[in-house]
Structures are given as structure tokens and as C-alpha cells.
Amino acid sequence: MIRILTVAATSFVLLAGAANIASAGTAPNALIAQDTAKPLTLAAAKHQVTDWLNATGHSVLHAGQAEFDRQGNVKVEVDNASGTPYTHVLVHAADGTITDARGRVSGNRG
């Protein structure tokens, strides 16, 4: 019985967090556009995602693993407090824009 309640409570928390991330596109953002002279690095992309999460009130979530895609953009996993991957975002190399897993623009274009 306790296991069922734990699973139900965890599911509710994850769904509530997903709704908050989906609405984060309208929140103020402190991202700085990517400098075209400097290439995007994994560390810089993770730092941008961490700043974005903190600015939008998702301080429980944090940037996890990061990897480059074929276009030079960086895919960053967003982990929950226990370190489990929650979702992912894409940091675009050209302008530093952050796009969430559903393709919605979450960061400013500078």
C-alpha cells in the first residue's frame, strides 16, 4: 500500500514540475546570447541551463549530462533532486537559446 502511495505522490510531483517547466517560457530570463566568436562548450551550456532553472524558480532541478548534437547544439539533461533524469533541453550554439524537450523556446534570443 505504501509503495502505491509513493508512486502516486511521485507521479503527481513530476507532472506538476512538467507543467511549471512548460510555463517557464513566459518567466523573466537572465540568459546572455552566445558570443559568435566563442564556440559553445558543454560547461557553458550546463551553466546556462542552471541559470535558467534558477531564474524560473526550478532550483530543485539541475543540469546533468550534456552532449553535442550534429549541428553543434548541446543537449542537456535536466535532473531532479535525486539525480534521476527528468527531461532535457537543447542549448542552440548560434544564439544561446534554450529549447525544451517539446521544441518550445524557453530562453531569449538576445
C-alpha atoms as a PDB file:
ATOM      1  CA  MET A   1       0.000   0.000   0.000  1.00  0.00           C
ATOM      2  CA  ILE A   2       2.815   2.401   0.895  1.00  0.00           C
ATOM      3  CA  ARG A   3       4.506   1.662  -2.425  1.00  0.00           C
ATOM      4  CA  ILE A   4       1.355   2.608  -4.364  1.00  0.00           C
ATOM      5  CA  LEU A   5       1.031   5.867  -2.429  1.00  0.00           C
ATOM      6  CA  THR A   6       4.703   6.670  -3.037  1.00  0.00           C
ATOM      7  CA  VAL A   7       4.367   6.040  -6.772  1.00  0.00           C
ATOM      8  CA  ALA A   8       1.212   8.165  -6.930  1.00  0.00           C
ATOM      9  CA  ALA A   9       2.823  11.028  -4.993  1.00  0.00           C
ATOM     10  CA  THR A  10       5.968  10.923  -7.144  1.00  0.00           C
ATOM     11  CA  SER A  11       3.895  10.949 -10.322  1.00  0.00           C
ATOM     12  CA  PHE A  12       1.955  13.975  -9.112  1.00  0.00           C
ATOM     13  CA  VAL A  13       5.155  15.879  -8.249  1.00  0.00           C
ATOM     14  CA  LEU A  14       6.702  15.090 -11.646  1.00  0.00           C
ATOM     15  CA  LEU A  15       3.572  16.159 -13.525  1.00  0.00           C
ATOM     16  CA  ALA A  16       3.368  19.405 -11.527  1.00  0.00           C
ATOM     17  CA  GLY A  17       7.024  20.095 -12.317  1.00  0.00           C
ATOM     18  CA  ALA A  18       6.444  19.445 -16.017  1.00  0.00           C
ATOM     19  CA  ALA A  19       3.611  21.975 -16.013  1.00  0.00           C
ATOM     20  CA  ASN A  20       5.905  24.526 -14.361  1.00  0.00           C
ATOM     21  CA  ILE A  21       8.661  23.991 -16.930  1.00  0.00           C
ATOM     22  CA  ALA A  22       6.128  24.280 -19.756  1.00  0.00           C
ATOM     23  CA  SER A  23       5.010  27.662 -18.414  1.00  0.00           C
ATOM     24  CA  ALA A  24       8.576  28.884 -17.833  1.00  0.00           C
ATOM     25  CA  GLY A  25       8.778  30.410 -21.309  1.00  0.00           C
ATOM     26  CA  THR A  26       6.944  33.495 -20.057  1.00  0.00           C
ATOM     27  CA  ALA A  27       9.108  33.996 -16.954  1.00  0.00           C
ATOM     28  CA  PRO A  28      11.910  36.590 -16.902  1.00  0.00           C
ATOM     29  CA  ASN A  29      15.171  35.183 -18.083  1.00  0.00           C
ATOM     30  CA  ALA A  30      18.757  36.168 -17.371  1.00  0.00           C
ATOM     31  CA  LEU A  31      20.399  34.344 -20.251  1.00  0.00           C
ATOM     32  CA  ILE A  32      23.049  36.099 -22.291  1.00  0.00           C
ATOM     33  CA  ALA A  33      23.163  35.466 -26.028  1.00  0.00           C
ATOM     34  CA  GLN A  34      26.053  33.311 -27.173  1.00  0.00           C
ATOM     35  CA  ASP A  35      29.072  35.274 -28.398  1.00  0.00           C
ATOM     36  CA  THR A  36      29.631  34.275 -32.031  1.00  0.00           C
ATOM     37  CA  ALA A  37      33.423  34.435 -31.603  1.00  0.00           C
ATOM     38  CA  LYS A  38      33.382  31.841 -28.805  1.00  0.00           C
ATOM     39  CA  PRO A  39      32.173  28.309 -29.500  1.00  0.00           C
ATOM     40  CA  LEU A  40      29.587  26.815 -27.152  1.00  0.00           C
ATOM     41  CA  THR A  41      31.122  24.402 -24.642  1.00  0.00           C
ATOM     42  CA  LEU A  42      29.450  21.713 -22.573  1.00  0.00           C
ATOM     43  CA  ALA A  43      30.277  23.551 -19.342  1.00  0.00           C
ATOM     44  CA  ALA A  44      28.878  26.854 -20.666  1.00  0.00           C
ATOM     45  CA  ALA A  45      25.669  25.145 -21.813  1.00  0.00           C
ATOM     46  CA  LYS A  46      25.190  23.464 -18.425  1.00  0.00           C
ATOM     47  CA  HIS A  47      25.806  26.802 -16.694  1.00  0.00           C
ATOM     48  CA  GLN A  48      23.182  28.492 -18.909  1.00  0.00           C
ATOM     49  CA  VAL A  49      20.639  25.770 -18.117  1.00  0.00           C
ATOM     50  CA  THR A  50      21.359  26.045 -14.381  1.00  0.00           C
ATOM     51  CA  ASP A  51      20.922  29.840 -14.517  1.00  0.00           C
ATOM     52  CA  TRP A  52      17.674  29.431 -16.477  1.00  0.00           C
ATOM     53  CA  LEU A  53      16.298  26.875 -13.995  1.00  0.00           C
ATOM     54  CA  ASN A  54      17.133  29.132 -11.038  1.00  0.00           C
ATOM     55  CA  ALA A  55      15.660  32.211 -12.757  1.00  0.00           C
ATOM     56  CA  THR A  56      12.407  30.391 -13.457  1.00  0.00           C
ATOM     57  CA  GLY A  57      12.020  29.058  -9.920  1.00  0.00           C
ATOM     58  CA  HIS A  58      13.079  25.453 -10.556  1.00  0.00           C
ATOM     59  CA  SER A  59      16.007  25.385  -8.148  1.00  0.00           C
ATOM     60  CA  VAL A  60      15.257  21.757  -7.205  1.00  0.00           C
ATOM     61  CA  LEU A  61      16.130  20.700 -10.754  1.00  0.00           C
ATOM     62  CA  HIS A  62      19.693  20.908 -12.048  1.00  0.00           C
ATOM     63  CA  ALA A  63      21.687  20.377 -15.222  1.00  0.00           C
ATOM     64  CA  GLY A  64      23.013  16.851 -15.630  1.00  0.00           C
ATOM     65  CA  GLN A  65      24.794  15.195 -18.533  1.00  0.00           C
ATOM     66  CA  ALA A  66      25.470  17.233 -21.642  1.00  0.00           C
ATOM     67  CA  GLU A  67      26.399  16.210 -25.171  1.00  0.00           C
ATOM     68  CA  PHE A  68      26.782  17.825 -28.571  1.00  0.00           C
ATOM     69  CA  ASP A  69      24.432  17.034 -31.450  1.00  0.00           C
ATOM     70  CA  ARG A  70      25.369  17.065 -35.152  1.00  0.00           C
ATOM     71  CA  GLN A  71      24.585  20.781 -35.543  1.00  0.00           C
ATOM     72  CA  GLY A  72      26.884  21.821 -32.672  1.00  0.00           C
ATOM     73  CA  ASN A  73      23.999  22.430 -30.268  1.00  0.00           C
ATOM     74  CA  VAL A  74      24.195  20.969 -26.762  1.00  0.00           C
ATOM     75  CA  LYS A  75      21.558  18.616 -25.341  1.00  0.00           C
ATOM     76  CA  VAL A  76      21.487  18.960 -21.544  1.00  0.00           C
ATOM     77  CA  GLU A  77      19.634  16.511 -19.297  1.00  0.00           C
ATOM     78  CA  VAL A  78      17.646  18.156 -16.516  1.00  0.00           C
ATOM     79  CA  ASP A  79      17.812  16.013 -13.378  1.00  0.00           C
ATOM     80  CA  ASN A  80      15.556  16.084 -10.332  1.00  0.00           C
ATOM     81  CA  ALA A  81      16.850  16.323  -6.748  1.00  0.00           C
ATOM     82  CA  SER A  82      17.637  12.605  -6.589  1.00  0.00           C
ATOM     83  CA  GLY A  83      19.738  12.755  -9.772  1.00  0.00           C
ATOM     84  CA  THR A  84      17.214  10.987 -11.984  1.00  0.00           C
ATOM     85  CA  PRO A  85      16.836  12.447 -15.499  1.00  0.00           C
ATOM     86  CA  TYR A  86      13.622  14.464 -15.581  1.00  0.00           C
ATOM     87  CA  THR A  87      13.642  15.975 -19.074  1.00  0.00           C
ATOM     88  CA  HIS A  88      16.139  17.538 -21.449  1.00  0.00           C
ATOM     89  CA  VAL A  89      16.679  20.889 -23.090  1.00  0.00           C
ATOM     90  CA  LEU A  90      18.654  21.999 -26.124  1.00  0.00           C
ATOM     91  CA  VAL A  91      21.032  24.966 -25.980  1.00  0.00           C
ATOM     92  CA  HIS A  92      21.469  26.333 -29.501  1.00  0.00           C
ATOM     93  CA  ALA A  93      25.072  27.080 -30.457  1.00  0.00           C
ATOM     94  CA  ALA A  94      24.240  30.041 -32.708  1.00  0.00           C
ATOM     95  CA  ASP A  95      22.486  32.268 -30.181  1.00  0.00           C
ATOM     96  CA  GLY A  96      22.304  30.552 -26.785  1.00  0.00           C
ATOM     97  CA  THR A  97      18.541  29.993 -26.987  1.00  0.00           C
ATOM     98  CA  ILE A  98      17.259  27.202 -24.752  1.00  0.00           C
ATOM     99  CA  THR A  99      14.528  24.983 -26.201  1.00  0.00           C
ATOM    100  CA  ASP A 100      12.708  22.464 -24.026  1.00  0.00           C
ATOM    101  CA  ALA A 101      12.054  18.815 -24.901  1.00  0.00           C
ATOM    102  CA  ARG A 102       8.839  19.666 -26.764  1.00  0.00           C
ATOM    103  CA  GLY A 103      10.555  22.218 -29.023  1.00  0.00           C
ATOM    104  CA  ARG A 104       9.162  25.293 -27.240  1.00  0.00           C
ATOM    105  CA  VAL A 105      11.562  28.212 -26.941  1.00  0.00           C
ATOM    106  CA  SER A 106      12.332  28.884 -23.302  1.00  0.00           C
ATOM    107  CA  GLY A 107      15.238  31.303 -23.485  1.00  0.00           C
ATOM    108  CA  ASN A 108      15.610  34.693 -25.102  1.00  0.00           C
ATOM    109  CA  ARG A 109      17.322  35.047 -28.441  1.00  0.00           C
ATOM    110  CA  GLY A 110      19.421  38.022 -27.395  1.00  0.00           C
END
